[in-house]
């Protein structure tokens, strides 16, 4: 197994300065993005977004009876038959 030699102090300082520079550039560019087009970056922002687009629409969720996205239990055919047999 090979051991890495410790980096010289000047290399550590250069890496630290590069990291600070890149972080400053990212924050500056993020600040330029309009609020409506900014993607969520924090866990709280992502959770809030997921709560806003929760799957309340039954068409966007799996069948509650059989668990498949395309229902295999006949629930759809019953709904179609009851709708087609209704008298207007």
N, C-alpha and C. Protein backbone atom coordinates (compact mmCIF):
# COMPACT_ATOMS: atom_id res chain seq x y z
N UNK A 1 0.84 -1.17 0.00
CA UNK A 1 0.00 0.00 0.00
C UNK A 1 0.89 1.24 0.00
N UNK A 2 0.55 2.20 -0.79
CA UNK A 2 1.35 3.41 -0.92
C UNK A 2 0.81 4.50 0.00
N UNK A 3 1.72 5.18 0.62
CA UNK A 3 1.31 6.31 1.46
C UNK A 3 1.54 7.60 0.71
N UNK A 4 0.57 8.47 0.84
CA UNK A 4 0.71 9.78 0.20
C UNK A 4 1.57 10.66 1.08
N UNK A 5 2.42 11.42 0.44
CA UNK A 5 3.23 12.37 1.20
C UNK A 5 2.36 13.57 1.54
N UNK A 6 2.55 14.13 2.72
CA UNK A 6 1.76 15.31 3.06
C UNK A 6 2.08 16.45 2.10
N UNK A 7 1.05 17.18 1.74
CA UNK A 7 1.23 18.30 0.81
C UNK A 7 1.98 19.43 1.51
N UNK A 8 2.84 20.09 0.77
CA UNK A 8 3.54 21.23 1.36
C UNK A 8 2.55 22.32 1.77
N UNK A 9 2.96 23.15 2.70
CA UNK A 9 2.08 24.20 3.22
C UNK A 9 1.63 25.16 2.13
N UNK A 10 2.51 25.47 1.18
CA UNK A 10 2.12 26.40 0.12
C UNK A 10 1.08 25.79 -0.80
N UNK A 11 1.11 24.47 -1.00
CA UNK A 11 0.11 23.81 -1.82
C UNK A 11 -1.24 23.79 -1.10
N UNK A 12 -1.25 23.57 0.21
CA UNK A 12 -2.49 23.63 0.99
C UNK A 12 -3.11 25.01 0.91
N UNK A 13 -2.27 26.03 0.99
CA UNK A 13 -2.76 27.40 0.92
C UNK A 13 -3.34 27.69 -0.47
N UNK A 14 -2.67 27.20 -1.51
CA UNK A 14 -3.17 27.41 -2.87
C UNK A 14 -4.51 26.71 -3.06
N UNK A 15 -4.64 25.50 -2.54
CA UNK A 15 -5.92 24.78 -2.64
C UNK A 15 -7.02 25.49 -1.89
N UNK A 16 -6.71 26.02 -0.71
CA UNK A 16 -7.70 26.75 0.08
C UNK A 16 -8.15 28.01 -0.66
N UNK A 17 -7.19 28.75 -1.24
CA UNK A 17 -7.54 29.97 -1.98
C UNK A 17 -8.36 29.64 -3.22
N UNK A 18 -8.03 28.55 -3.91
CA UNK A 18 -8.81 28.14 -5.08
C UNK A 18 -10.24 27.80 -4.67
N UNK A 19 -10.40 27.08 -3.57
CA UNK A 19 -11.74 26.75 -3.08
C UNK A 19 -12.54 27.99 -2.74
N UNK A 20 -11.90 28.96 -2.10
CA UNK A 20 -12.60 30.20 -1.76
C UNK A 20 -12.99 30.96 -3.02
N UNK A 21 -12.10 30.99 -4.02
CA UNK A 21 -12.40 31.69 -5.27
C UNK A 21 -13.58 31.03 -5.99
N UNK A 22 -13.55 29.70 -6.09
CA UNK A 22 -14.64 29.00 -6.77
C UNK A 22 -15.97 29.19 -6.06
N UNK A 23 -15.96 29.17 -4.73
CA UNK A 23 -17.18 29.39 -3.96
C UNK A 23 -17.72 30.80 -4.20
N UNK A 24 -16.82 31.79 -4.26
CA UNK A 24 -17.25 33.17 -4.52
C UNK A 24 -17.85 33.30 -5.91
N UNK A 25 -17.25 32.64 -6.91
CA UNK A 25 -17.76 32.69 -8.28
C UNK A 25 -19.14 32.06 -8.35
N UNK A 26 -19.32 30.90 -7.72
CA UNK A 26 -20.62 30.21 -7.74
C UNK A 26 -21.68 31.08 -7.07
N UNK A 27 -21.37 31.65 -5.93
CA UNK A 27 -22.35 32.50 -5.23
C UNK A 27 -22.69 33.73 -6.05
N UNK A 28 -21.71 34.32 -6.73
CA UNK A 28 -21.97 35.50 -7.57
C UNK A 28 -22.89 35.13 -8.74
N UNK A 29 -22.62 34.00 -9.37
CA UNK A 29 -23.45 33.58 -10.50
C UNK A 29 -24.85 33.17 -10.04
N UNK A 30 -24.95 32.55 -8.88
CA UNK A 30 -26.26 32.20 -8.33
C UNK A 30 -27.09 33.45 -8.05
N UNK A 31 -26.44 34.50 -7.59
CA UNK A 31 -27.15 35.74 -7.28
C UNK A 31 -27.71 36.39 -8.54
N UNK A 32 -27.10 36.13 -9.68
CA UNK A 32 -27.57 36.72 -10.95
C UNK A 32 -28.80 36.03 -11.51
N UNK A 33 -29.10 34.83 -11.06
CA UNK A 33 -30.24 34.07 -11.58
C UNK A 33 -31.53 34.67 -11.03
N UNK A 34 -32.51 34.97 -11.89
CA UNK A 34 -33.78 35.49 -11.39
C UNK A 34 -34.45 34.48 -10.45
N UNK A 35 -35.16 34.99 -9.46
CA UNK A 35 -35.76 34.13 -8.43
C UNK A 35 -36.68 33.06 -9.02
N UNK A 36 -37.42 33.39 -10.07
CA UNK A 36 -38.34 32.43 -10.66
C UNK A 36 -37.65 31.30 -11.41
N UNK A 37 -36.38 31.49 -11.77
CA UNK A 37 -35.66 30.47 -12.54
C UNK A 37 -34.61 29.75 -11.71
N UNK A 38 -34.51 30.09 -10.45
CA UNK A 38 -33.49 29.49 -9.58
C UNK A 38 -33.95 28.13 -9.10
N UNK A 39 -33.10 27.13 -9.23
CA UNK A 39 -33.41 25.78 -8.76
C UNK A 39 -33.17 25.70 -7.26
N UNK A 40 -33.96 24.90 -6.54
CA UNK A 40 -33.74 24.78 -5.10
C UNK A 40 -32.39 24.15 -4.82
N UNK A 41 -31.67 24.72 -3.85
CA UNK A 41 -30.35 24.21 -3.52
C UNK A 41 -30.30 23.58 -2.14
N UNK A 42 -31.14 24.05 -1.22
CA UNK A 42 -31.07 23.52 0.14
C UNK A 42 -32.13 22.43 0.31
N UNK A 43 -31.96 21.63 1.33
CA UNK A 43 -32.92 20.55 1.61
C UNK A 43 -34.29 21.14 1.89
N UNK A 44 -34.34 22.25 2.64
CA UNK A 44 -35.62 22.88 2.96
C UNK A 44 -36.32 23.36 1.69
N UNK A 45 -35.56 23.96 0.76
CA UNK A 45 -36.16 24.42 -0.49
C UNK A 45 -36.68 23.25 -1.32
N UNK A 46 -35.93 22.16 -1.35
CA UNK A 46 -36.37 21.00 -2.13
C UNK A 46 -37.60 20.35 -1.51
N UNK A 47 -37.65 20.26 -0.17
CA UNK A 47 -38.82 19.68 0.48
C UNK A 47 -40.06 20.54 0.26
N UNK A 48 -39.89 21.87 0.31
CA UNK A 48 -41.02 22.76 0.07
C UNK A 48 -41.54 22.59 -1.36
N UNK A 49 -40.63 22.42 -2.31
CA UNK A 49 -41.04 22.24 -3.70
C UNK A 49 -41.77 20.91 -3.87
N UNK A 50 -41.27 19.86 -3.23
CA UNK A 50 -41.93 18.56 -3.33
C UNK A 50 -43.32 18.59 -2.70
N UNK A 51 -43.47 19.31 -1.60
CA UNK A 51 -44.78 19.41 -0.96
C UNK A 51 -45.76 20.16 -1.86
N UNK A 52 -45.25 21.13 -2.62
CA UNK A 52 -46.12 21.92 -3.50
C UNK A 52 -46.60 21.10 -4.70
N UNK A 53 -45.82 20.14 -5.13
CA UNK A 53 -46.21 19.34 -6.29
C UNK A 53 -46.54 17.90 -5.89
N UNK A 54 -47.11 17.75 -4.72
CA UNK A 54 -47.46 16.41 -4.21
C UNK A 54 -48.42 15.73 -5.19
N UNK A 55 -48.36 14.43 -5.23
CA UNK A 55 -49.18 13.66 -6.17
C UNK A 55 -50.60 13.52 -5.63
N UNK A 56 -51.39 14.57 -5.77
CA UNK A 56 -52.79 14.53 -5.36
C UNK A 56 -53.68 14.03 -6.49
N UNK A 57 -53.22 14.16 -7.71
CA UNK A 57 -54.00 13.76 -8.88
C UNK A 57 -53.94 12.23 -9.01
N UNK A 58 -55.09 11.55 -8.98
CA UNK A 58 -55.06 10.09 -9.07
C UNK A 58 -54.46 9.57 -10.38
N UNK A 59 -54.49 10.38 -11.43
CA UNK A 59 -53.90 9.95 -12.69
C UNK A 59 -52.38 9.91 -12.61
N UNK A 60 -51.80 10.60 -11.64
CA UNK A 60 -50.35 10.66 -11.50
C UNK A 60 -49.82 9.67 -10.46
N UNK A 61 -50.63 8.74 -10.03
CA UNK A 61 -50.22 7.80 -9.00
C UNK A 61 -50.60 6.38 -9.41
N UNK A 62 -49.97 5.42 -8.78
CA UNK A 62 -50.28 4.02 -9.06
C UNK A 62 -51.66 3.68 -8.51
N UNK A 63 -52.25 2.62 -9.05
CA UNK A 63 -53.57 2.16 -8.60
C UNK A 63 -53.50 1.77 -7.13
N UNK A 64 -54.48 2.18 -6.36
CA UNK A 64 -54.50 1.86 -4.94
C UNK A 64 -54.82 0.41 -4.66
N UNK A 65 -55.45 -0.28 -5.60
CA UNK A 65 -55.82 -1.68 -5.40
C UNK A 65 -54.71 -2.64 -5.83
N UNK A 66 -54.23 -2.48 -7.06
CA UNK A 66 -53.24 -3.43 -7.57
C UNK A 66 -51.82 -2.91 -7.49
N UNK A 67 -51.63 -1.60 -7.35
CA UNK A 67 -50.29 -1.03 -7.20
C UNK A 67 -49.55 -0.76 -8.49
N UNK A 68 -50.16 -1.06 -9.64
CA UNK A 68 -49.51 -0.83 -10.92
C UNK A 68 -49.87 0.56 -11.44
N UNK A 69 -48.94 1.16 -12.22
CA UNK A 69 -49.21 2.47 -12.81
C UNK A 69 -50.31 2.33 -13.86
N UNK A 70 -50.28 1.25 -14.62
CA UNK A 70 -51.39 0.97 -15.53
C UNK A 70 -52.21 -0.12 -14.85
N UNK A 71 -53.36 0.24 -14.38
CA UNK A 71 -54.18 -0.62 -13.53
C UNK A 71 -54.46 -1.95 -14.20
N UNK A 72 -54.27 -3.03 -13.42
CA UNK A 72 -54.52 -4.39 -13.91
C UNK A 72 -55.67 -5.06 -13.17
N UNK A 73 -56.32 -4.33 -12.27
CA UNK A 73 -57.34 -4.98 -11.43
C UNK A 73 -58.75 -4.79 -11.96
N UNK A 74 -58.94 -4.05 -13.03
CA UNK A 74 -60.27 -3.87 -13.59
C UNK A 74 -60.96 -2.61 -13.10
N UNK A 75 -60.30 -1.83 -12.26
CA UNK A 75 -60.91 -0.61 -11.74
C UNK A 75 -61.24 0.36 -12.87
N UNK A 76 -60.36 0.45 -13.88
CA UNK A 76 -60.60 1.36 -14.99
C UNK A 76 -61.78 0.89 -15.84
N UNK A 77 -61.88 -0.40 -16.09
CA UNK A 77 -62.97 -0.88 -16.94
C UNK A 77 -64.32 -0.69 -16.26
N UNK A 78 -64.37 -0.80 -14.93
CA UNK A 78 -65.62 -0.56 -14.20
C UNK A 78 -66.02 0.90 -14.33
N UNK A 79 -65.04 1.80 -14.23
CA UNK A 79 -65.34 3.23 -14.34
C UNK A 79 -65.82 3.57 -15.74
N UNK A 80 -65.23 2.96 -16.75
CA UNK A 80 -65.63 3.23 -18.13
C UNK A 80 -67.03 2.69 -18.38
N UNK A 81 -67.33 1.50 -17.91
CA UNK A 81 -68.65 0.91 -18.12
C UNK A 81 -69.73 1.71 -17.41
N UNK A 82 -69.47 2.14 -16.20
CA UNK A 82 -70.50 2.90 -15.48
C UNK A 82 -70.71 4.26 -16.13
N UNK A 83 -69.65 4.84 -16.70
CA UNK A 83 -69.80 6.13 -17.39
C UNK A 83 -70.52 5.97 -18.72
N UNK A 84 -70.26 4.86 -19.42
CA UNK A 84 -70.87 4.66 -20.73
C UNK A 84 -72.33 4.26 -20.62
N UNK A 85 -72.70 3.61 -19.52
CA UNK A 85 -74.07 3.14 -19.37
C UNK A 85 -75.01 4.18 -18.79
N UNK A 86 -74.50 5.34 -18.45
CA UNK A 86 -75.34 6.38 -17.84
C UNK A 86 -76.26 6.98 -18.89
N UNK A 87 -77.48 7.28 -18.48
CA UNK A 87 -78.46 7.87 -19.39
C UNK A 87 -78.45 9.37 -19.18
N UNK A 88 -78.37 10.12 -20.29
CA UNK A 88 -78.30 11.57 -20.20
C UNK A 88 -79.66 12.21 -20.18
